[in-house]
């Protein structure tokens, strides 16, 4: 993949993250538990 294409994709991904906004009810203490597999 060309360097220019990589930079374009990176900038696009960063912009999507910025535009997605801030999560309203995020709890950093409970979040890791939600990532762990259940069972």
PDB file of N, CA and C in Angstrom:
ATOM      1  N   UNK A   1       0.860  -1.179   0.000  1.00  0.00           N
ATOM      2  CA  UNK A   1       0.000   0.000   0.000  1.00  0.00           C
ATOM      3  C   UNK A   1       0.904   1.238   0.000  1.00  0.00           C
ATOM      4  N   UNK A   2       0.553   2.201  -0.793  1.00  0.00           N
ATOM      5  CA  UNK A   2       1.362   3.408  -0.878  1.00  0.00           C
ATOM      6  C   UNK A   2       1.213   4.242   0.386  1.00  0.00           C
ATOM      7  N   UNK A   3       2.275   4.980   0.696  1.00  0.00           N
ATOM      8  CA  UNK A   3       2.313   5.811   1.898  1.00  0.00           C
ATOM      9  C   UNK A   3       1.180   6.839   1.908  1.00  0.00           C
ATOM     10  N   UNK A   4       0.903   7.470   0.760  1.00  0.00           N
ATOM     11  CA  UNK A   4      -0.164   8.469   0.682  1.00  0.00           C
ATOM     12  C   UNK A   4      -1.528   7.880   0.991  1.00  0.00           C
ATOM     13  N   UNK A   5      -1.769   6.654   0.546  1.00  0.00           N
ATOM     14  CA  UNK A   5      -3.042   5.971   0.802  1.00  0.00           C
ATOM     15  C   UNK A   5      -3.188   5.673   2.294  1.00  0.00           C
ATOM     16  N   UNK A   6      -2.088   5.249   2.935  1.00  0.00           N
ATOM     17  CA  UNK A   6      -2.112   4.953   4.370  1.00  0.00           C
ATOM     18  C   UNK A   6      -2.446   6.209   5.172  1.00  0.00           C
ATOM     19  N   UNK A   7      -1.814   7.313   4.804  1.00  0.00           N
ATOM     20  CA  UNK A   7      -2.058   8.575   5.507  1.00  0.00           C
ATOM     21  C   UNK A   7      -3.505   9.012   5.326  1.00  0.00           C
ATOM     22  N   UNK A   8      -4.028   8.869   4.119  1.00  0.00           N
ATOM     23  CA  UNK A   8      -5.423   9.236   3.847  1.00  0.00           C
ATOM     24  C   UNK A   8      -6.375   8.402   4.710  1.00  0.00           C
ATOM     25  N   UNK A   9      -6.141   7.092   4.780  1.00  0.00           N
ATOM     26  CA  UNK A   9      -7.008   6.220   5.575  1.00  0.00           C
ATOM     27  C   UNK A   9      -6.911   6.539   7.060  1.00  0.00           C
ATOM     28  N   UNK A  10      -5.705   6.851   7.533  1.00  0.00           N
ATOM     29  CA  UNK A  10      -5.521   7.205   8.933  1.00  0.00           C
ATOM     30  C   UNK A  10      -6.268   8.493   9.271  1.00  0.00           C
ATOM     31  N   UNK A  11      -6.131   9.507   8.423  1.00  0.00           N
ATOM     32  CA  UNK A  11      -6.832  10.774   8.651  1.00  0.00           C
ATOM     33  C   UNK A  11      -8.343  10.576   8.635  1.00  0.00           C
ATOM     34  N   UNK A  12      -8.828   9.737   7.722  1.00  0.00           N
ATOM     35  CA  UNK A  12     -10.259   9.463   7.624  1.00  0.00           C
ATOM     36  C   UNK A  12     -10.762   8.789   8.905  1.00  0.00           C
ATOM     37  N   UNK A  13     -10.003   7.833   9.419  1.00  0.00           N
ATOM     38  CA  UNK A  13     -10.396   7.121  10.631  1.00  0.00           C
ATOM     39  C   UNK A  13     -10.398   8.043  11.846  1.00  0.00           C
ATOM     40  N   UNK A  14      -9.398   8.901  11.942  1.00  0.00           N
ATOM     41  CA  UNK A  14      -9.336   9.857  13.050  1.00  0.00           C
ATOM     42  C   UNK A  14     -10.525  10.804  12.994  1.00  0.00           C
ATOM     43  N   UNK A  15     -10.858  11.291  11.818  1.00  0.00           N
ATOM     44  CA  UNK A  15     -11.990  12.204  11.657  1.00  0.00           C
ATOM     45  C   UNK A  15     -13.302  11.523  12.042  1.00  0.00           C
ATOM     46  N   UNK A  16     -13.473  10.260  11.656  1.00  0.00           N
ATOM     47  CA  UNK A  16     -14.680   9.513  12.035  1.00  0.00           C
ATOM     48  C   UNK A  16     -14.790   9.417  13.552  1.00  0.00           C
ATOM     49  N   UNK A  17     -13.680   9.174  14.221  1.00  0.00           N
ATOM     50  CA  UNK A  17     -13.680   9.091  15.676  1.00  0.00           C
ATOM     51  C   UNK A  17     -14.052  10.412  16.324  1.00  0.00           C
ATOM     52  N   UNK A  18     -13.510  11.492  15.814  1.00  0.00           N
ATOM     53  CA  UNK A  18     -13.816  12.818  16.353  1.00  0.00           C
ATOM     54  C   UNK A  18     -15.286  13.156  16.145  1.00  0.00           C
ATOM     55  N   UNK A  19     -15.806  12.862  14.964  1.00  0.00           N
ATOM     56  CA  UNK A  19     -17.195  13.198  14.642  1.00  0.00           C
ATOM     57  C   UNK A  19     -18.205  12.294  15.341  1.00  0.00           C
ATOM     58  N   UNK A  20     -17.761  11.156  15.857  1.00  0.00           N
ATOM     59  CA  UNK A  20     -18.697  10.234  16.501  1.00  0.00           C
ATOM     60  C   UNK A  20     -19.171  10.757  17.859  1.00  0.00           C
ATOM     61  N   UNK A  21     -18.454  11.718  18.419  1.00  0.00           N
ATOM     62  CA  UNK A  21     -18.885  12.332  19.667  1.00  0.00           C
ATOM     63  C   UNK A  21     -18.381  11.599  20.900  1.00  0.00           C
ATOM     64  N   UNK A  22     -18.800  12.115  22.046  1.00  0.00           N
ATOM     65  CA  UNK A  22     -18.369  11.582  23.338  1.00  0.00           C
ATOM     66  C   UNK A  22     -19.456  10.673  23.889  1.00  0.00           C
ATOM     67  N   UNK A  23     -19.043   9.563  24.460  1.00  0.00           N
ATOM     68  CA  UNK A  23     -19.992   8.624  25.059  1.00  0.00           C
ATOM     69  C   UNK A  23     -20.531   9.245  26.343  1.00  0.00           C
ATOM     70  N   UNK A  24     -21.846   9.216  26.532  1.00  0.00           N
ATOM     71  CA  UNK A  24     -22.480   9.888  27.665  1.00  0.00           C
ATOM     72  C   UNK A  24     -22.337   9.120  28.975  1.00  0.00           C
ATOM     73  N   UNK A  25     -22.545   7.815  28.965  1.00  0.00           N
ATOM     74  CA  UNK A  25     -22.579   7.073  30.228  1.00  0.00           C
ATOM     75  C   UNK A  25     -21.448   6.047  30.337  1.00  0.00           C
ATOM     76  N   UNK A  26     -20.240   6.442  29.980  1.00  0.00           N
ATOM     77  CA  UNK A  26     -19.092   5.543  30.011  1.00  0.00           C
ATOM     78  C   UNK A  26     -18.565   5.409  31.431  1.00  0.00           C
ATOM     79  N   UNK A  27     -18.376   4.182  31.888  1.00  0.00           N
ATOM     80  CA  UNK A  27     -17.826   3.915  33.213  1.00  0.00           C
ATOM     81  C   UNK A  27     -16.511   3.152  33.029  1.00  0.00           C
ATOM     82  N   UNK A  28     -15.369   3.821  33.237  1.00  0.00           N
ATOM     83  CA  UNK A  28     -14.080   3.167  32.996  1.00  0.00           C
ATOM     84  C   UNK A  28     -13.809   1.989  33.923  1.00  0.00           C
ATOM     85  N   UNK A  29     -14.498   1.913  35.054  1.00  0.00           N
ATOM     86  CA  UNK A  29     -14.313   0.790  35.972  1.00  0.00           C
ATOM     87  C   UNK A  29     -15.045  -0.454  35.484  1.00  0.00           C
ATOM     88  N   UNK A  30     -16.202  -0.282  34.869  1.00  0.00           N
ATOM     89  CA  UNK A  30     -17.002  -1.414  34.403  1.00  0.00           C
ATOM     90  C   UNK A  30     -16.630  -1.853  32.987  1.00  0.00           C
ATOM     91  N   UNK A  31     -16.040  -0.965  32.212  1.00  0.00           N
ATOM     92  CA  UNK A  31     -15.743  -1.263  30.810  1.00  0.00           C
ATOM     93  C   UNK A  31     -14.887  -2.521  30.616  1.00  0.00           C
ATOM     94  N   UNK A  32     -13.793  -2.715  31.367  1.00  0.00           N
ATOM     95  CA  UNK A  32     -12.989  -3.935  31.164  1.00  0.00           C
ATOM     96  C   UNK A  32     -13.793  -5.215  31.374  1.00  0.00           C
ATOM     97  N   UNK A  33     -14.742  -5.198  32.303  1.00  0.00           N
ATOM     98  CA  UNK A  33     -15.578  -6.377  32.540  1.00  0.00           C
ATOM     99  C   UNK A  33     -16.448  -6.685  31.326  1.00  0.00           C
ATOM    100  N   UNK A  34     -16.861  -5.653  30.601  1.00  0.00           N
ATOM    101  CA  UNK A  34     -17.689  -5.853  29.411  1.00  0.00           C
ATOM    102  C   UNK A  34     -16.879  -6.441  28.259  1.00  0.00           C
ATOM    103  N   UNK A  35     -15.566  -6.250  28.284  1.00  0.00           N
ATOM    104  CA  UNK A  35     -14.709  -6.756  27.215  1.00  0.00           C
ATOM    105  C   UNK A  35     -14.331  -8.223  27.411  1.00  0.00           C
ATOM    106  N   UNK A  36     -14.392  -8.686  28.658  1.00  0.00           N
ATOM    107  CA  UNK A  36     -14.010 -10.066  28.954  1.00  0.00           C
ATOM    108  C   UNK A  36     -15.054 -11.030  28.414  1.00  0.00           C
ATOM    109  N   UNK A  37     -14.606 -12.174  27.888  1.00  0.00           N
ATOM    110  CA  UNK A  37     -15.572 -13.170  27.399  1.00  0.00           C
ATOM    111  C   UNK A  37     -16.416 -13.720  28.541  1.00  0.00           C
ATOM    112  N   UNK A  38     -17.681 -13.903  28.257  1.00  0.00           N
ATOM    113  CA  UNK A  38     -18.598 -14.424  29.276  1.00  0.00           C
ATOM    114  C   UNK A  38     -18.660 -15.937  29.161  1.00  0.00           C
ATOM    115  N   UNK A  39     -18.727 -16.586  30.317  1.00  0.00           N
ATOM    116  CA  UNK A  39     -18.892 -18.027  30.268  1.00  0.00           C
ATOM    117  C   UNK A  39     -17.953 -18.805  31.081  1.00  0.00           C
TER     118      UNK A  39
END
